[in-house]
C-alpha atoms as a PDB file:
ATOM      1  CA  MET A   1     179.709 245.899 351.353  1.00  0.00           C
ATOM      2  CA  SER A   2     181.894 248.353 353.219  1.00  0.00           C
ATOM      3  CA  LEU A   3     183.808 251.228 351.662  1.00  0.00           C
ATOM      4  CA  THR A   4     187.065 249.416 352.453  1.00  0.00           C
ATOM      5  CA  GLU A   5     185.901 246.283 350.638  1.00  0.00           C
ATOM      6  CA  LEU A   6     184.749 248.370 347.677  1.00  0.00           C
ATOM      7  CA  PHE A   7     188.116 250.127 347.590  1.00  0.00           C
ATOM      8  CA  ILE A   8     189.934 246.783 347.605  1.00  0.00           C
ATOM      9  CA  ILE A   9     187.782 245.534 344.731  1.00  0.00           C
ATOM     10  CA  ALA A  10     188.294 248.805 342.834  1.00  0.00           C
ATOM     11  CA  VAL A  11     192.063 248.507 343.196  1.00  0.00           C
ATOM     12  CA  GLY A  12     191.954 244.856 342.155  1.00  0.00           C
ATOM     13  CA  LEU A  13     189.873 245.649 339.078  1.00  0.00           C
ATOM     14  CA  SER A  14     192.073 248.571 338.104  1.00  0.00           C
ATOM     15  CA  MET A  15     195.300 246.542 338.037  1.00  0.00           C
ATOM     16  CA  ASP A  16     194.827 245.503 334.384  1.00  0.00           C
ATOM     17  CA  ALA A  17     194.271 249.135 333.440  1.00  0.00           C
ATOM     18  CA  PHE A  18     197.250 250.162 335.573  1.00  0.00           C
ATOM     19  CA  ALA A  19     199.459 247.581 333.837  1.00  0.00           C
ATOM     20  CA  VAL A  20     198.447 248.783 330.367  1.00  0.00           C
ATOM     21  CA  ALA A  21     198.846 252.415 331.472  1.00  0.00           C
ATOM     22  CA  VAL A  22     202.382 251.599 332.623  1.00  0.00           C
ATOM     23  CA  CYS A  23     203.113 250.279 329.146  1.00  0.00           C
ATOM     24  CA  LYS A  24     201.526 253.342 327.523  1.00  0.00           C
ATOM     25  CA  GLY A  25     203.791 255.514 329.651  1.00  0.00           C
ATOM     26  CA  LEU A  26     206.795 253.450 328.609  1.00  0.00           C
ATOM     27  CA  ALA A  27     205.922 253.898 324.944  1.00  0.00           C
ATOM     28  CA  MET A  28     205.579 257.679 325.269  1.00  0.00           C
ATOM     29  CA  PRO A  29     208.864 259.377 324.434  1.00  0.00           C
ATOM     30  CA  ARG A  30     207.837 262.183 326.755  1.00  0.00           C
ATOM     31  CA  MET A  31     205.015 261.888 329.261  1.00  0.00           C
ATOM     32  CA  SER A  32     202.291 264.525 329.032  1.00  0.00           C
ATOM     33  CA  TRP A  33     199.592 265.054 331.629  1.00  0.00           C
ATOM     34  CA  LYS A  34     197.074 265.472 328.816  1.00  0.00           C
ATOM     35  CA  GLY A  35     197.985 262.025 327.447  1.00  0.00           C
ATOM     36  CA  ALA A  36     197.856 260.534 330.937  1.00  0.00           C
ATOM     37  CA  GLY A  37     194.428 262.128 331.421  1.00  0.00           C
ATOM     38  CA  VAL A  38     193.166 260.589 328.172  1.00  0.00           C
ATOM     39  CA  VAL A  39     194.371 257.152 329.315  1.00  0.00           C
ATOM     40  CA  GLY A  40     192.745 257.703 332.723  1.00  0.00           C
ATOM     41  CA  LEU A  41     189.435 258.820 331.218  1.00  0.00           C
ATOM     42  CA  TYR A  42     189.192 255.828 328.895  1.00  0.00           C
ATOM     43  CA  PHE A  43     190.144 253.263 331.512  1.00  0.00           C
ATOM     44  CA  GLY A  44     188.231 254.897 334.382  1.00  0.00           C
ATOM     45  CA  GLY A  45     185.145 255.456 332.227  1.00  0.00           C
ATOM     46  CA  PHE A  46     184.988 251.894 330.950  1.00  0.00           C
ATOM     47  CA  GLN A  47     185.892 250.448 334.353  1.00  0.00           C
ATOM     48  CA  GLY A  48     182.948 252.349 335.827  1.00  0.00           C
ATOM     49  CA  ALA A  49     180.500 251.571 332.997  1.00  0.00           C
ATOM     50  CA  MET A  50     181.108 247.826 332.804  1.00  0.00           C
ATOM     51  CA  PRO A  51     180.059 246.955 336.381  1.00  0.00           C
ATOM     52  CA  PHE A  52     176.927 249.045 335.838  1.00  0.00           C
ATOM     53  CA  ILE A  53     176.055 246.992 332.748  1.00  0.00           C
ATOM     54  CA  GLY A  54     176.831 243.791 334.656  1.00  0.00           C
ATOM     55  CA  TYR A  55     174.646 244.960 337.521  1.00  0.00           C
ATOM     56  CA  LEU A  56     171.715 245.581 335.172  1.00  0.00           C
ATOM     57  CA  LEU A  57     172.131 242.085 333.737  1.00  0.00           C
ATOM     58  CA  GLY A  58     172.502 240.536 337.189  1.00  0.00           C
ATOM     59  CA  THR A  59     169.364 242.135 338.596  1.00  0.00           C
ATOM     60  CA  ARG A  60     167.321 240.319 335.942  1.00  0.00           C
ATOM     61  CA  PHE A  61     168.430 236.975 337.402  1.00  0.00           C
ATOM     62  CA  ARG A  62     168.877 237.855 341.087  1.00  0.00           C
ATOM     63  CA  ASP A  63     165.544 236.517 342.335  1.00  0.00           C
ATOM     64  CA  ALA A  64     165.953 233.207 340.509  1.00  0.00           C
ATOM     65  CA  ILE A  65     169.339 232.371 342.023  1.00  0.00           C
ATOM     66  CA  THR A  66     169.425 234.053 345.432  1.00  0.00           C
ATOM     67  CA  ALA A  67     170.198 230.753 347.176  1.00  0.00           C
ATOM     68  CA  TYR A  68     173.401 230.385 345.161  1.00  0.00           C
ATOM     69  CA  ASP A  69     174.484 234.017 344.829  1.00  0.00           C
ATOM     70  CA  HIS A  70     177.479 233.643 347.175  1.00  0.00           C
ATOM     71  CA  TRP A  71     178.785 230.749 345.064  1.00  0.00           C
ATOM     72  CA  ILE A  72     178.324 232.771 341.870  1.00  0.00           C
ATOM     73  CA  ALA A  73     180.159 235.745 343.391  1.00  0.00           C
ATOM     74  CA  PHE A  74     182.975 233.487 344.551  1.00  0.00           C
ATOM     75  CA  ILE A  75     183.293 231.664 341.205  1.00  0.00           C
ATOM     76  CA  LEU A  76     183.251 234.874 339.141  1.00  0.00           C
ATOM     77  CA  LEU A  77     185.822 236.627 341.331  1.00  0.00           C
ATOM     78  CA  ALA A  78     187.997 233.496 341.515  1.00  0.00           C
ATOM     79  CA  LEU A  79     187.924 233.031 337.723  1.00  0.00           C
ATOM     80  CA  ILE A  80     188.711 236.684 337.037  1.00  0.00           C
ATOM     81  CA  GLY A  81     191.447 236.765 339.680  1.00  0.00           C
ATOM     82  CA  GLY A  82     192.857 233.409 338.574  1.00  0.00           C
ATOM     83  CA  ASN A  83     193.045 234.605 334.982  1.00  0.00           C
ATOM     84  CA  MET A  84     194.863 237.770 336.069  1.00  0.00           C
ATOM     85  CA  ILE A  85     197.324 235.663 338.100  1.00  0.00           C
ATOM     86  CA  LYS A  86     197.887 233.356 335.098  1.00  0.00           C
ATOM     87  CA  GLU A  87     198.514 236.335 332.810  1.00  0.00           C
ATOM     88  CA  SER A  88     200.968 237.815 335.319  1.00  0.00           C
ATOM     89  CA  LEU A  89     203.046 234.629 335.215  1.00  0.00           C
ATOM     90  CA  GLU A  90     203.341 234.552 331.412  1.00  0.00           C
ATOM     91  CA  THR A  91     206.790 235.625 330.282  1.00  0.00           C
ATOM     92  CA  GLU A  92     205.717 237.250 327.040  1.00  0.00           C
ATOM     93  CA  GLU A  93     206.021 241.035 327.195  1.00  0.00           C
ATOM     94  CA  GLU A  94     203.262 242.842 325.333  1.00  0.00           C
ATOM     95  CA  CYS A  95     203.435 246.579 325.668  1.00  0.00           C
ATOM     96  CA  PRO A  96     201.167 248.720 323.494  1.00  0.00           C
ATOM     97  CA  ASP A  97     202.390 251.661 321.477  1.00  0.00           C
ATOM     98  CA  ALA A  98     202.001 255.287 322.516  1.00  0.00           C
ATOM     99  CA  SER A  99     198.949 255.863 320.288  1.00  0.00           C
ATOM    100  CA  LEU A 100     195.967 257.444 322.006  1.00  0.00           C
ATOM    101  CA  ASP A 101     193.583 257.218 319.038  1.00  0.00           C
ATOM    102  CA  VAL A 102     189.933 256.401 319.712  1.00  0.00           C
ATOM    103  CA  ARG A 103     190.020 252.902 318.203  1.00  0.00           C
ATOM    104  CA  SER A 104     193.077 251.598 320.052  1.00  0.00           C
ATOM    105  CA  MET A 105     192.104 253.208 323.369  1.00  0.00           C
ATOM    106  CA  THR A 106     188.551 251.861 323.136  1.00  0.00           C
ATOM    107  CA  LEU A 107     189.842 248.350 322.443  1.00  0.00           C
ATOM    108  CA  LEU A 108     192.288 248.553 325.353  1.00  0.00           C
ATOM    109  CA  ALA A 109     189.644 250.004 327.676  1.00  0.00           C
ATOM    110  CA  VAL A 110     187.163 247.244 326.823  1.00  0.00           C
ATOM    111  CA  ALA A 111     189.832 244.551 327.170  1.00  0.00           C
ATOM    112  CA  THR A 112     190.912 245.794 330.599  1.00  0.00           C
ATOM    113  CA  SER A 113     187.348 246.211 331.905  1.00  0.00           C
ATOM    114  CA  ILE A 114     185.637 242.975 330.848  1.00  0.00           C
ATOM    115  CA  ASP A 115     186.292 241.540 334.301  1.00  0.00           C
ATOM    116  CA  ALA A 116     184.432 244.510 335.792  1.00  0.00           C
ATOM    117  CA  LEU A 117     181.311 243.373 333.911  1.00  0.00           C
ATOM    118  CA  ALA A 118     181.310 240.116 335.855  1.00  0.00           C
ATOM    119  CA  VAL A 119     181.933 241.971 339.116  1.00  0.00           C
ATOM    120  CA  GLY A 120     178.862 244.083 338.319  1.00  0.00           C
ATOM    121  CA  VAL A 121     176.813 240.888 338.098  1.00  0.00           C
ATOM    122  CA  THR A 122     178.194 239.984 341.518  1.00  0.00           C
ATOM    123  CA  PHE A 123     177.159 243.402 342.864  1.00  0.00           C
ATOM    124  CA  ALA A 124     173.564 242.671 341.831  1.00  0.00           C
ATOM    125  CA  PHE A 125     173.555 239.531 343.973  1.00  0.00           C
ATOM    126  CA  LEU A 126     175.118 241.345 346.916  1.00  0.00           C
ATOM    127  CA  THR A 127     172.716 244.320 346.583  1.00  0.00           C
ATOM    128  CA  VAL A 128     175.509 246.875 346.426  1.00  0.00           C
ATOM    129  CA  PRO A 129     174.363 250.506 345.889  1.00  0.00           C
ATOM    130  CA  ILE A 130     175.483 250.595 342.273  1.00  0.00           C
ATOM    131  CA  LEU A 131     175.876 254.283 341.387  1.00  0.00           C
ATOM    132  CA  PRO A 132     178.269 255.122 344.239  1.00  0.00           C
ATOM    133  CA  ALA A 133     180.108 251.827 343.656  1.00  0.00           C
ATOM    134  CA  VAL A 134     180.698 252.302 339.929  1.00  0.00           C
ATOM    135  CA  SER A 135     181.626 255.954 340.443  1.00  0.00           C
ATOM    136  CA  PHE A 136     184.162 254.931 343.062  1.00  0.00           C
ATOM    137  CA  ILE A 137     185.600 252.192 340.809  1.00  0.00           C
ATOM    138  CA  GLY A 138     185.850 254.660 337.913  1.00  0.00           C
ATOM    139  CA  VAL A 139     187.639 257.294 340.015  1.00  0.00           C
ATOM    140  CA  VAL A 140     190.082 254.770 341.493  1.00  0.00           C
ATOM    141  CA  THR A 141     190.873 253.385 338.031  1.00  0.00           C
ATOM    142  CA  PHE A 142     191.220 256.901 336.575  1.00  0.00           C
ATOM    143  CA  THR A 143     193.692 257.838 339.300  1.00  0.00           C
ATOM    144  CA  LEU A 144     195.719 254.623 339.104  1.00  0.00           C
ATOM    145  CA  SER A 145     195.837 254.837 335.302  1.00  0.00           C
ATOM    146  CA  ILE A 146     197.370 258.304 335.444  1.00  0.00           C
ATOM    147  CA  VAL A 147     199.857 257.058 338.039  1.00  0.00           C
ATOM    148  CA  GLY A 148     200.548 254.065 335.757  1.00  0.00           C
ATOM    149  CA  VAL A 149     201.404 256.287 332.794  1.00  0.00           C
ATOM    150  CA  LYS A 150     203.854 258.234 334.968  1.00  0.00           C
ATOM    151  CA  VAL A 151     205.373 255.059 336.443  1.00  0.00           C
ATOM    152  CA  GLY A 152     205.731 253.550 332.975  1.00  0.00           C
ATOM    153  CA  ASN A 153     207.374 256.649 331.622  1.00  0.00           C
ATOM    154  CA  VAL A 154     209.870 256.609 334.470  1.00  0.00           C
ATOM    155  CA  PHE A 155     210.417 252.880 335.125  1.00  0.00           C
ATOM    156  CA  GLY A 156     209.105 250.868 332.180  1.00  0.00           C
ATOM    157  CA  CYS A 157     207.120 247.628 331.954  1.00  0.00           C
ATOM    158  CA  ARG A 158     208.880 245.783 334.755  1.00  0.00           C
ATOM    159  CA  TYR A 159     205.937 246.299 337.150  1.00  0.00           C
ATOM    160  CA  LYS A 160     203.206 245.121 334.757  1.00  0.00           C
ATOM    161  CA  SER A 161     203.201 241.486 335.868  1.00  0.00           C
ATOM    162  CA  ARG A 162     203.369 242.397 339.560  1.00  0.00           C
ATOM    163  CA  ALA A 163     200.340 244.672 339.197  1.00  0.00           C
ATOM    164  CA  GLU A 164     198.354 241.920 337.477  1.00  0.00           C
ATOM    165  CA  LEU A 165     199.403 239.390 340.122  1.00  0.00           C
ATOM    166  CA  ALA A 166     198.358 241.721 342.956  1.00  0.00           C
ATOM    167  CA  GLY A 167     195.021 242.478 341.293  1.00  0.00           C
ATOM    168  CA  GLY A 168     194.311 238.776 340.753  1.00  0.00           C
ATOM    169  CA  LEU A 169     195.130 237.867 344.339  1.00  0.00           C
ATOM    170  CA  ILE A 170     192.910 240.670 345.642  1.00  0.00           C
ATOM    171  CA  LEU A 171     189.918 239.468 343.614  1.00  0.00           C
ATOM    172  CA  VAL A 172     190.372 235.813 344.604  1.00  0.00           C
ATOM    173  CA  LEU A 173     190.648 236.775 348.277  1.00  0.00           C
ATOM    174  CA  MET A 174     187.526 238.964 348.075  1.00  0.00           C
ATOM    175  CA  GLY A 175     185.642 236.052 346.499  1.00  0.00           C
ATOM    176  CA  LEU A 176     186.754 233.758 349.323  1.00  0.00           C
ATOM    177  CA  LYS A 177     185.709 236.354 351.887  1.00  0.00           C
ATOM    178  CA  ILE A 178     182.199 236.600 350.379  1.00  0.00           C
ATOM    179  CA  LEU A 179     181.866 232.821 350.326  1.00  0.00           C
ATOM    180  CA  PHE A 180     183.157 232.282 353.868  1.00  0.00           C
ATOM    181  CA  GLU A 181     180.962 235.068 355.273  1.00  0.00           C
ATOM    182  CA  HIS A 182     177.867 233.555 353.696  1.00  0.00           C
ATOM    183  CA  LEU A 183     178.756 230.062 354.935  1.00  0.00           C
ATOM    184  CA  GLY A 184     179.206 231.472 358.453  1.00  0.00           C
ATOM    185  CA  TYR A 185     182.968 230.983 358.794  1.00  0.00           C
ATOM    186  CA  LEU A 186     183.710 234.728 358.986  1.00  0.00           C
ATOM    187  CA  ASN A 187     181.779 237.327 360.915  1.00  0.00           C
ATOM    188  CA  PHE A 188     182.932 240.865 360.215  1.00  0.00           C
END
């Protein structure tokens, strides 16, 4: 997997965290860089840890399902991306409060990084070098989360659904790319 592909996946995965960070920024009466850093650390940390856990789980099963790994990667990425697209089209606005307490931030960080667990399983089948990959995903999510807090504080929640839609489309397209490459339809 190239650095460009990893970056695209990292951006796609971080869109949930970005959307929630936008809402956190909206809820903050006054944006602080310390608060934005806390949001970034939670989301970036969990977004980096979850693919690592998924990778460890996936390596246990890799040898048994190598013949089908491209289908598994495609299905996981398509399901995750499809769910993000579905959520982006829902009209219900759900912005969290400005609280940065450990309990609420941990719950939000887990909720926004569950999809990264499945991507980690996919990485095991694709034999991606996991430590650089999860570090990269964590840094990208950290950065976009801080940007999200600032954007939310300035503009509000109006970009939340667009971010989720973009992230979902990116993941579905990456899944298709993996599938088509393995089937021999794409040669990059």
